[in-house]
Amino acid sequence: MEPLQSDRIHRAESADGTEIAGRVFGAGPPLVLVHGGFGDGETSWRFLLPFMQQFTCYCPSLRSRGLSAEHSDHSVDRLVGDVVHFADSIGEPVGLFGHSSGGLLSLMASQRAERIAAVSAFEPGPFHELVSDEIVQGFRDTIRRAAEAAEDGRLADAALVSFEGIALVNDEELKVIRATGSADIVAPNIPPFLRDADGLIGNPTPALESIDVPVLLMEGTRTNPYFTDLVRQLAGRIPDARVCRIEGAGHMGPLLAADGVAAELTAFFADVLAPA
């Protein structure tokens, strides 16, 4: 999967001086796309972007990935700060769409940023206080096995372990991941993912009730029940939230059901970001 190319690159400085950068595509109201844990701004949106050209799509990579600078501090506060400072640096009201852990960071960023007008999140997480101890322990076991594989230099194996045990991909998604070599593509992001996961797995659930922008929560119809339950709980806590389901999608919906995800994003953000 070759990265989509654009000569337009937007750069911002996070609170600790780390440069956060991403390519820019399309024209129209600004929409920032926040990738999930194994992803980066260079590869995560390849299938979604062709459907989103009516927006100016900013595709940043979080720290230590893609075009962004390396940094050892991957605490949740720093990751949220990366999103906040990048979004605010655009200088006008923006929409924010996050996938998986990128959805969690996007929801948290909306509580701190000045320029975020609306947020959509596809199966955000992890919110460990909203699920059973058994699930949280399963995540911790997966992180341990992925870390062991990474220490042995087997980054693609670590990625496959993470796809199965963290993203909880369904059987069809796993076949596509294997057939397309996706584990090899995301392998360079495994070390920063493991640093992210250290904080994300144990991070207290934010005060979702204080989110004061419109929120669209998305889930697939063929996703793991964990995500379905989590989305329902989030919708009950966020004041202005609604839920939509993407037919046939699992957790990798923004990649493998991009047309359906794009249709919902377009309808949501076209209204919220319409010029006054």
C-alpha atoms as a PDB file:
ATOM      1  CA  MET A   1       0.000   0.000   0.000  1.00  0.00           C
ATOM      2  CA  GLU A   2       1.848   3.061  -1.251  1.00  0.00           C
ATOM      3  CA  PRO A   3       1.126   6.322   0.611  1.00  0.00           C
ATOM      4  CA  LEU A   4      -0.990   8.895  -1.201  1.00  0.00           C
ATOM      5  CA  GLN A   5       1.156  11.833  -2.198  1.00  0.00           C
ATOM      6  CA  SER A   6       0.588  15.543  -1.745  1.00  0.00           C
ATOM      7  CA  ASP A   7       3.088  18.390  -1.791  1.00  0.00           C
ATOM      8  CA  ARG A   8       0.897  20.285   0.686  1.00  0.00           C
ATOM      9  CA  ILE A   9       2.153  19.645   4.212  1.00  0.00           C
ATOM     10  CA  HIS A  10       0.841  21.316   7.348  1.00  0.00           C
ATOM     11  CA  ARG A  11       3.138  21.520  10.368  1.00  0.00           C
ATOM     12  CA  ALA A  12       2.367  22.469  13.962  1.00  0.00           C
ATOM     13  CA  GLU A  13       4.303  22.506  17.209  1.00  0.00           C
ATOM     14  CA  SER A  14       2.903  20.559  20.145  1.00  0.00           C
ATOM     15  CA  ALA A  15       3.145  21.841  23.713  1.00  0.00           C
ATOM     16  CA  ASP A  16       6.542  20.223  24.334  1.00  0.00           C
ATOM     17  CA  GLY A  17       8.017  21.458  21.053  1.00  0.00           C
ATOM     18  CA  THR A  18       7.453  18.246  19.065  1.00  0.00           C
ATOM     19  CA  GLU A  19       6.645  18.945  15.418  1.00  0.00           C
ATOM     20  CA  ILE A  20       3.400  17.291  14.289  1.00  0.00           C
ATOM     21  CA  ALA A  21       3.035  17.195  10.513  1.00  0.00           C
ATOM     22  CA  GLY A  22       0.700  15.767   7.913  1.00  0.00           C
ATOM     23  CA  ARG A  23      -0.168  15.962   4.241  1.00  0.00           C
ATOM     24  CA  VAL A  24      -3.192  17.951   3.072  1.00  0.00           C
ATOM     25  CA  PHE A  25      -5.681  16.817   0.409  1.00  0.00           C
ATOM     26  CA  GLY A  26      -8.798  18.234  -1.220  1.00  0.00           C
ATOM     27  CA  ALA A  27     -10.541  21.590  -0.906  1.00  0.00           C
ATOM     28  CA  GLY A  28     -13.384  22.794   1.263  1.00  0.00           C
ATOM     29  CA  PRO A  29     -14.075  22.990   5.006  1.00  0.00           C
ATOM     30  CA  PRO A  30     -11.129  21.691   7.086  1.00  0.00           C
ATOM     31  CA  LEU A  31     -11.297  18.144   8.445  1.00  0.00           C
ATOM     32  CA  VAL A  32      -8.501  16.627  10.554  1.00  0.00           C
ATOM     33  CA  LEU A  33      -8.151  12.821  10.385  1.00  0.00           C
ATOM     34  CA  VAL A  34      -6.582  11.179  13.457  1.00  0.00           C
ATOM     35  CA  HIS A  35      -5.265   7.680  12.807  1.00  0.00           C
ATOM     36  CA  GLY A  36      -5.486   4.690  15.146  1.00  0.00           C
ATOM     37  CA  GLY A  37      -2.722   3.076  17.182  1.00  0.00           C
ATOM     38  CA  PHE A  38      -1.034   1.043  14.435  1.00  0.00           C
ATOM     39  CA  GLY A  39      -1.456   3.733  11.798  1.00  0.00           C
ATOM     40  CA  ASP A  40       0.024   7.010  10.629  1.00  0.00           C
ATOM     41  CA  GLY A  41      -1.101   9.920   8.514  1.00  0.00           C
ATOM     42  CA  GLU A  42       0.818   8.609   5.509  1.00  0.00           C
ATOM     43  CA  THR A  43      -1.030   5.304   5.018  1.00  0.00           C
ATOM     44  CA  SER A  44      -4.170   5.101   7.182  1.00  0.00           C
ATOM     45  CA  TRP A  45      -6.500   7.099   4.944  1.00  0.00           C
ATOM     46  CA  ARG A  46      -5.588   5.788   1.491  1.00  0.00           C
ATOM     47  CA  PHE A  47      -9.043   4.327   0.834  1.00  0.00           C
ATOM     48  CA  LEU A  48     -11.065   7.021   2.603  1.00  0.00           C
ATOM     49  CA  LEU A  49      -9.521  10.141   1.017  1.00  0.00           C
ATOM     50  CA  PRO A  50     -10.846   9.609  -2.552  1.00  0.00           C
ATOM     51  CA  PHE A  51     -14.384   9.924  -1.132  1.00  0.00           C
ATOM     52  CA  MET A  52     -13.580  13.068   0.910  1.00  0.00           C
ATOM     53  CA  GLN A  53     -12.231  15.549  -1.630  1.00  0.00           C
ATOM     54  CA  GLN A  54     -15.006  18.076  -0.883  1.00  0.00           C
ATOM     55  CA  PHE A  55     -13.165  18.734   2.408  1.00  0.00           C
ATOM     56  CA  THR A  56      -9.651  19.977   3.016  1.00  0.00           C
ATOM     57  CA  CYS A  57      -8.393  16.821   4.739  1.00  0.00           C
ATOM     58  CA  TYR A  58      -5.420  17.201   7.070  1.00  0.00           C
ATOM     59  CA  CYS A  59      -3.707  13.875   7.790  1.00  0.00           C
ATOM     60  CA  PRO A  60      -1.270  14.350  10.682  1.00  0.00           C
ATOM     61  CA  SER A  61       0.842  11.579  12.137  1.00  0.00           C
ATOM     62  CA  LEU A  62       1.100  11.456  15.900  1.00  0.00           C
ATOM     63  CA  ARG A  63       4.576  11.799  17.387  1.00  0.00           C
ATOM     64  CA  SER A  64       7.238   9.285  16.348  1.00  0.00           C
ATOM     65  CA  ARG A  65       5.341   8.352  13.167  1.00  0.00           C
ATOM     66  CA  GLY A  66       5.175   9.426   9.542  1.00  0.00           C
ATOM     67  CA  LEU A  67       6.243  13.015   8.932  1.00  0.00           C
ATOM     68  CA  SER A  68       6.125  13.966  12.622  1.00  0.00           C
ATOM     69  CA  ALA A  69       9.118  14.227  14.910  1.00  0.00           C
ATOM     70  CA  GLU A  70      10.316  11.485  17.241  1.00  0.00           C
ATOM     71  CA  HIS A  71       9.764  11.917  20.975  1.00  0.00           C
ATOM     72  CA  SER A  72      10.091   9.552  23.937  1.00  0.00           C
ATOM     73  CA  ASP A  73       7.094  10.953  25.856  1.00  0.00           C
ATOM     74  CA  HIS A  74       3.946   9.141  24.668  1.00  0.00           C
ATOM     75  CA  SER A  75       1.730   9.927  27.640  1.00  0.00           C
ATOM     76  CA  VAL A  76      -1.966  10.409  26.929  1.00  0.00           C
ATOM     77  CA  ASP A  77      -1.704  14.090  27.760  1.00  0.00           C
ATOM     78  CA  ARG A  78       1.015  14.563  25.131  1.00  0.00           C
ATOM     79  CA  LEU A  79      -0.904  12.602  22.474  1.00  0.00           C
ATOM     80  CA  VAL A  80      -4.050  14.630  23.085  1.00  0.00           C
ATOM     81  CA  GLY A  81      -1.910  17.756  22.978  1.00  0.00           C
ATOM     82  CA  ASP A  82      -0.579  16.758  19.558  1.00  0.00           C
ATOM     83  CA  VAL A  83      -4.150  16.674  18.229  1.00  0.00           C
ATOM     84  CA  VAL A  84      -5.154  19.896  20.003  1.00  0.00           C
ATOM     85  CA  HIS A  85      -2.217  21.962  18.755  1.00  0.00           C
ATOM     86  CA  PHE A  86      -2.435  20.621  15.213  1.00  0.00           C
ATOM     87  CA  ALA A  87      -6.182  21.321  14.990  1.00  0.00           C
ATOM     88  CA  ASP A  88      -5.927  24.804  16.510  1.00  0.00           C
ATOM     89  CA  SER A  89      -3.003  25.730  14.251  1.00  0.00           C
ATOM     90  CA  ILE A  90      -5.261  25.549  11.187  1.00  0.00           C
ATOM     91  CA  GLY A  91      -6.759  28.829  12.369  1.00  0.00           C
ATOM     92  CA  GLU A  92     -10.452  28.234  11.687  1.00  0.00           C
ATOM     93  CA  PRO A  93     -13.215  25.902  12.931  1.00  0.00           C
ATOM     94  CA  VAL A  94     -12.371  22.294  12.010  1.00  0.00           C
ATOM     95  CA  GLY A  95     -13.987  18.903  12.100  1.00  0.00           C
ATOM     96  CA  LEU A  96     -12.159  16.006  13.730  1.00  0.00           C
ATOM     97  CA  PHE A  97     -12.482  12.343  12.762  1.00  0.00           C
ATOM     98  CA  GLY A  98     -10.622   9.672  14.720  1.00  0.00           C
ATOM     99  CA  HIS A  99     -10.384   5.915  14.315  1.00  0.00           C
ATOM    100  CA  SER A 100      -9.969   3.583  17.307  1.00  0.00           C
ATOM    101  CA  SER A 101      -7.487   5.168  19.756  1.00  0.00           C
ATOM    102  CA  GLY A 102      -7.510   8.177  17.421  1.00  0.00           C
ATOM    103  CA  GLY A 103     -11.208   8.470  18.234  1.00  0.00           C
ATOM    104  CA  LEU A 104     -10.453   8.491  21.958  1.00  0.00           C
ATOM    105  CA  LEU A 105      -7.817  11.205  21.467  1.00  0.00           C
ATOM    106  CA  SER A 106     -10.230  13.204  19.294  1.00  0.00           C
ATOM    107  CA  LEU A 107     -12.972  13.138  21.918  1.00  0.00           C
ATOM    108  CA  MET A 108     -10.502  14.251  24.586  1.00  0.00           C
ATOM    109  CA  ALA A 109      -9.043  16.934  22.312  1.00  0.00           C
ATOM    110  CA  SER A 110     -12.505  18.436  21.786  1.00  0.00           C
ATOM    111  CA  GLN A 111     -12.516  19.358  25.483  1.00  0.00           C
ATOM    112  CA  ARG A 112      -9.295  21.374  25.180  1.00  0.00           C
ATOM    113  CA  ALA A 113      -9.050  22.784  21.666  1.00  0.00           C
ATOM    114  CA  GLU A 114     -10.457  26.159  20.689  1.00  0.00           C
ATOM    115  CA  ARG A 115     -11.109  25.399  17.028  1.00  0.00           C
ATOM    116  CA  ILE A 116     -12.826  21.979  17.037  1.00  0.00           C
ATOM    117  CA  ALA A 117     -16.444  22.435  15.878  1.00  0.00           C
ATOM    118  CA  ALA A 118     -17.517  18.778  15.785  1.00  0.00           C
ATOM    119  CA  VAL A 119     -16.088  15.286  16.257  1.00  0.00           C
ATOM    120  CA  SER A 120     -16.733  11.891  14.727  1.00  0.00           C
ATOM    121  CA  ALA A 121     -15.137   8.730  16.116  1.00  0.00           C
ATOM    122  CA  PHE A 122     -15.178   5.246  14.628  1.00  0.00           C
ATOM    123  CA  GLU A 123     -15.238   2.700  17.479  1.00  0.00           C
ATOM    124  CA  PRO A 124     -13.090   4.827  19.837  1.00  0.00           C
ATOM    125  CA  GLY A 125     -11.195   3.361  22.738  1.00  0.00           C
ATOM    126  CA  PRO A 126      -9.904   2.026  24.944  1.00  0.00           C
ATOM    127  CA  PHE A 127     -12.072   3.246  27.825  1.00  0.00           C
ATOM    128  CA  HIS A 128     -10.995   0.637  30.354  1.00  0.00           C
ATOM    129  CA  GLU A 129     -13.351   1.772  33.129  1.00  0.00           C
ATOM    130  CA  LEU A 130     -16.377   1.067  30.904  1.00  0.00           C
ATOM    131  CA  VAL A 131     -15.547  -2.587  30.207  1.00  0.00           C
ATOM    132  CA  SER A 132     -14.889  -5.736  32.205  1.00  0.00           C
ATOM    133  CA  ASP A 133     -11.607  -6.500  33.949  1.00  0.00           C
ATOM    134  CA  GLU A 134     -11.362  -9.589  31.732  1.00  0.00           C
ATOM    135  CA  ILE A 135     -11.269  -7.483  28.559  1.00  0.00           C
ATOM    136  CA  VAL A 136      -8.696  -5.095  30.031  1.00  0.00           C
ATOM    137  CA  GLN A 137      -6.533  -8.052  31.053  1.00  0.00           C
ATOM    138  CA  GLY A 138      -6.853  -9.441  27.528  1.00  0.00           C
ATOM    139  CA  PHE A 139      -5.548  -6.150  26.155  1.00  0.00           C
ATOM    140  CA  ARG A 140      -2.640  -6.191  28.595  1.00  0.00           C
ATOM    141  CA  ASP A 141      -1.768  -9.777  27.604  1.00  0.00           C
ATOM    142  CA  THR A 142      -1.848  -8.792  23.932  1.00  0.00           C
ATOM    143  CA  ILE A 143       0.444  -5.818  24.555  1.00  0.00           C
ATOM    144  CA  ARG A 144       2.864  -8.112  26.396  1.00  0.00           C
ATOM    145  CA  ARG A 145       2.944 -10.627  23.512  1.00  0.00           C
ATOM    146  CA  ALA A 146       3.324  -7.849  20.938  1.00  0.00           C
ATOM    147  CA  ALA A 147       6.172  -6.334  22.953  1.00  0.00           C
ATOM    148  CA  GLU A 148       7.938  -9.715  23.134  1.00  0.00           C
ATOM    149  CA  ALA A 149       7.687 -10.117  19.346  1.00  0.00           C
ATOM    150  CA  ALA A 150       8.935  -6.554  18.822  1.00  0.00           C
ATOM    151  CA  GLU A 151      11.907  -7.143  21.118  1.00  0.00           C
ATOM    152  CA  ASP A 152      12.818 -10.128  18.941  1.00  0.00           C
ATOM    153  CA  GLY A 153      12.691  -7.890  15.870  1.00  0.00           C
ATOM    154  CA  ARG A 154       9.447  -9.479  14.610  1.00  0.00           C
ATOM    155  CA  LEU A 155       7.485  -6.254  14.112  1.00  0.00           C
ATOM    156  CA  ALA A 156       5.069  -7.695  11.530  1.00  0.00           C
ATOM    157  CA  ASP A 157       4.227 -10.551  13.918  1.00  0.00           C
ATOM    158  CA  ALA A 158       3.677  -7.992  16.664  1.00  0.00           C
ATOM    159  CA  ALA A 159       1.312  -6.127  14.338  1.00  0.00           C
ATOM    160  CA  LEU A 160      -0.717  -9.283  13.630  1.00  0.00           C
ATOM    161  CA  VAL A 161      -0.970 -10.019  17.352  1.00  0.00           C
ATOM    162  CA  SER A 162      -2.229  -6.465  17.872  1.00  0.00           C
ATOM    163  CA  PHE A 163      -4.747  -6.609  15.024  1.00  0.00           C
ATOM    164  CA  GLU A 164      -6.266  -9.730  16.562  1.00  0.00           C
ATOM    165  CA  GLY A 165      -6.039  -8.902  20.269  1.00  0.00           C
ATOM    166  CA  ILE A 166      -6.470  -5.098  20.347  1.00  0.00           C
ATOM    167  CA  ALA A 167      -8.389  -4.189  17.164  1.00  0.00           C
ATOM    168  CA  LEU A 168     -10.380  -7.430  17.547  1.00  0.00           C
ATOM    169  CA  VAL A 169     -10.694  -7.744  13.775  1.00  0.00           C
ATOM    170  CA  ASN A 170     -13.204 -10.240  12.391  1.00  0.00           C
ATOM    171  CA  ASP A 171     -12.205 -13.250  10.268  1.00  0.00           C
ATOM    172  CA  GLU A 172     -12.843 -11.488   6.943  1.00  0.00           C
ATOM    173  CA  GLU A 173     -10.764  -8.479   7.991  1.00  0.00           C
ATOM    174  CA  LEU A 174      -7.936 -10.742   9.116  1.00  0.00           C
ATOM    175  CA  LYS A 175      -7.904 -12.439   5.693  1.00  0.00           C
ATOM    176  CA  VAL A 176      -7.638  -9.048   3.972  1.00  0.00           C
ATOM    177  CA  ILE A 177      -4.912  -7.932   6.377  1.00  0.00           C
ATOM    178  CA  ARG A 178      -2.886 -11.045   5.583  1.00  0.00           C
ATOM    179  CA  ALA A 179      -3.550 -10.865   1.821  1.00  0.00           C
ATOM    180  CA  THR A 180      -2.550  -7.203   1.527  1.00  0.00           C
ATOM    181  CA  GLY A 181       0.514  -7.408   3.758  1.00  0.00           C
ATOM    182  CA  SER A 182      -0.958  -4.805   6.082  1.00  0.00           C
ATOM    183  CA  ALA A 183       1.054  -6.111   9.030  1.00  0.00           C
ATOM    184  CA  ASP A 184       4.271  -5.289   7.157  1.00  0.00           C
ATOM    185  CA  ILE A 185       2.946  -1.818   6.305  1.00  0.00           C
ATOM    186  CA  VAL A 186       2.161  -0.888   9.904  1.00  0.00           C
ATOM    187  CA  ALA A 187       5.200  -2.686  11.373  1.00  0.00           C
ATOM    188  CA  PRO A 188       7.283   0.537  11.695  1.00  0.00           C
ATOM    189  CA  ASN A 189       4.517   1.972  13.904  1.00  0.00           C
ATOM    190  CA  ILE A 190       4.594  -0.866  16.427  1.00  0.00           C
ATOM    191  CA  PRO A 191       7.300   0.678  18.688  1.00  0.00           C
ATOM    192  CA  PRO A 192       5.401   3.997  19.087  1.00  0.00           C
ATOM    193  CA  PHE A 193       2.128   2.064  19.410  1.00  0.00           C
ATOM    194  CA  LEU A 194       3.547   0.111  22.334  1.00  0.00           C
ATOM    195  CA  ARG A 195       4.611   3.381  23.967  1.00  0.00           C
ATOM    196  CA  ASP A 196       1.118   4.817  23.387  1.00  0.00           C
ATOM    197  CA  ALA A 197      -0.557   1.709  24.783  1.00  0.00           C
ATOM    198  CA  ASP A 198       1.315   1.980  28.063  1.00  0.00           C
ATOM    199  CA  GLY A 199      -0.711   5.054  28.940  1.00  0.00           C
ATOM    200  CA  LEU A 200      -3.914   4.425  26.999  1.00  0.00           C
ATOM    201  CA  ILE A 201      -4.761   1.054  28.538  1.00  0.00           C
ATOM    202  CA  GLY A 202      -4.681   2.420  32.085  1.00  0.00           C
ATOM    203  CA  ASN A 203      -5.877   5.952  31.393  1.00  0.00           C
ATOM    204  CA  PRO A 204      -8.924   7.045  33.427  1.00  0.00           C
ATOM    205  CA  THR A 205     -12.082   7.607  31.385  1.00  0.00           C
ATOM    206  CA  PRO A 206     -12.356  11.343  30.655  1.00  0.00           C
ATOM    207  CA  ALA A 207     -15.371  13.384  31.768  1.00  0.00           C
ATOM    208  CA  LEU A 208     -17.339  12.796  28.593  1.00  0.00           C
ATOM    209  CA  GLU A 209     -20.309  14.751  29.916  1.00  0.00           C
ATOM    210  CA  SER A 210     -18.348  17.990  29.398  1.00  0.00           C
ATOM    211  CA  ILE A 211     -17.976  17.550  25.617  1.00  0.00           C
ATOM    212  CA  ASP A 212     -19.931  20.492  24.186  1.00  0.00           C
ATOM    213  CA  VAL A 213     -19.673  19.938  20.420  1.00  0.00           C
ATOM    214  CA  PRO A 214     -21.779  17.660  18.186  1.00  0.00           C
ATOM    215  CA  VAL A 215     -20.446  14.089  18.109  1.00  0.00           C
ATOM    216  CA  LEU A 216     -21.077  11.300  15.615  1.00  0.00           C
ATOM    217  CA  LEU A 217     -20.118   7.857  16.927  1.00  0.00           C
ATOM    218  CA  MET A 218     -19.689   5.157  14.286  1.00  0.00           C
ATOM    219  CA  GLU A 219     -19.623   1.374  14.546  1.00  0.00           C
ATOM    220  CA  GLY A 220     -19.644  -1.532  12.126  1.00  0.00           C
ATOM    221  CA  THR A 221     -22.438  -4.085  11.905  1.00  0.00           C
ATOM    222  CA  ARG A 222     -19.836  -6.895  11.911  1.00  0.00           C
ATOM    223  CA  THR A 223     -17.648  -5.625  14.712  1.00  0.00           C
ATOM    224  CA  ASN A 224     -16.755  -7.252  18.015  1.00  0.00           C
ATOM    225  CA  PRO A 225     -19.518  -6.858  20.676  1.00  0.00           C
ATOM    226  CA  TYR A 226     -16.953  -5.047  22.836  1.00  0.00           C
ATOM    227  CA  PHE A 227     -17.045  -2.057  20.493  1.00  0.00           C
ATOM    228  CA  THR A 228     -20.835  -2.105  20.139  1.00  0.00           C
ATOM    229  CA  ASP A 229     -21.269  -2.000  23.916  1.00  0.00           C
ATOM    230  CA  LEU A 230     -18.632   0.700  24.290  1.00  0.00           C
ATOM    231  CA  VAL A 231     -20.218   2.946  21.650  1.00  0.00           C
ATOM    232  CA  ARG A 232     -23.595   2.643  23.367  1.00  0.00           C
ATOM    233  CA  GLN A 233     -22.097   3.625  26.716  1.00  0.00           C
ATOM    234  CA  LEU A 234     -20.308   6.602  25.192  1.00  0.00           C
ATOM    235  CA  ALA A 235     -23.483   7.768  23.472  1.00  0.00           C
ATOM    236  CA  GLY A 236     -25.232   7.750  26.842  1.00  0.00           C
ATOM    237  CA  ARG A 237     -22.579   9.992  28.381  1.00  0.00           C
ATOM    238  CA  ILE A 238     -21.872  12.539  25.646  1.00  0.00           C
ATOM    239  CA  PRO A 239     -24.597  15.223  25.603  1.00  0.00           C
ATOM    240  CA  ASP A 240     -24.900  15.866  21.843  1.00  0.00           C
ATOM    241  CA  ALA A 241     -24.057  12.452  20.393  1.00  0.00           C
ATOM    242  CA  ARG A 242     -25.681  10.170  17.890  1.00  0.00           C
ATOM    243  CA  VAL A 243     -24.718   6.721  16.632  1.00  0.00           C
ATOM    244  CA  CYS A 244     -24.638   5.362  13.094  1.00  0.00           C
ATOM    245  CA  ARG A 245     -23.801   1.844  11.941  1.00  0.00           C
ATOM    246  CA  ILE A 246     -21.753   1.029   8.849  1.00  0.00           C
ATOM    247  CA  GLU A 247     -23.178  -1.998   7.074  1.00  0.00           C
ATOM    248  CA  GLY A 248     -20.786  -4.940   6.768  1.00  0.00           C
ATOM    249  CA  ALA A 249     -17.918  -3.185   8.547  1.00  0.00           C
ATOM    250  CA  GLY A 250     -15.736  -4.428  11.374  1.00  0.00           C
ATOM    251  CA  HIS A 251     -13.248  -2.401  13.374  1.00  0.00           C
ATOM    252  CA  MET A 252     -11.230  -1.626  10.247  1.00  0.00           C
ATOM    253  CA  GLY A 253     -14.203   0.122   8.641  1.00  0.00           C
ATOM    254  CA  PRO A 254     -12.333   3.309   7.584  1.00  0.00           C
ATOM    255  CA  LEU A 255     -10.069   1.063   5.499  1.00  0.00           C
ATOM    256  CA  LEU A 256     -12.332  -1.751   4.312  1.00  0.00           C
ATOM    257  CA  ALA A 257     -15.719   0.016   4.186  1.00  0.00           C
ATOM    258  CA  ALA A 258     -14.422   3.466   3.276  1.00  0.00           C
ATOM    259  CA  ASP A 259     -17.341   4.444   1.023  1.00  0.00           C
ATOM    260  CA  GLY A 260     -19.915   3.879   3.768  1.00  0.00           C
ATOM    261  CA  VAL A 261     -17.820   5.687   6.374  1.00  0.00           C
ATOM    262  CA  ALA A 262     -17.241   8.593   3.990  1.00  0.00           C
ATOM    263  CA  ALA A 263     -20.952   8.958   3.250  1.00  0.00           C
ATOM    264  CA  GLU A 264     -21.762   9.368   6.953  1.00  0.00           C
ATOM    265  CA  LEU A 265     -18.844  11.739   7.542  1.00  0.00           C
ATOM    266  CA  THR A 266     -19.850  13.882   4.590  1.00  0.00           C
ATOM    267  CA  ALA A 267     -23.459  14.205   5.753  1.00  0.00           C
ATOM    268  CA  PHE A 268     -22.381  15.041   9.311  1.00  0.00           C
ATOM    269  CA  PHE A 269     -19.555  17.487   8.667  1.00  0.00           C
ATOM    270  CA  ALA A 270     -21.072  19.192   5.600  1.00  0.00           C
ATOM    271  CA  ASP A 271     -23.842  20.473   7.845  1.00  0.00           C
ATOM    272  CA  VAL A 272     -21.712  21.309  10.894  1.00  0.00           C
ATOM    273  CA  LEU A 273     -18.903  23.004   8.928  1.00  0.00           C
ATOM    274  CA  ALA A 274     -21.100  24.821   6.404  1.00  0.00           C
ATOM    275  CA  PRO A 275     -20.132  28.499   6.039  1.00  0.00           C
ATOM    276  CA  ALA A 276     -22.303  30.843   8.103  1.00  0.00           C
END
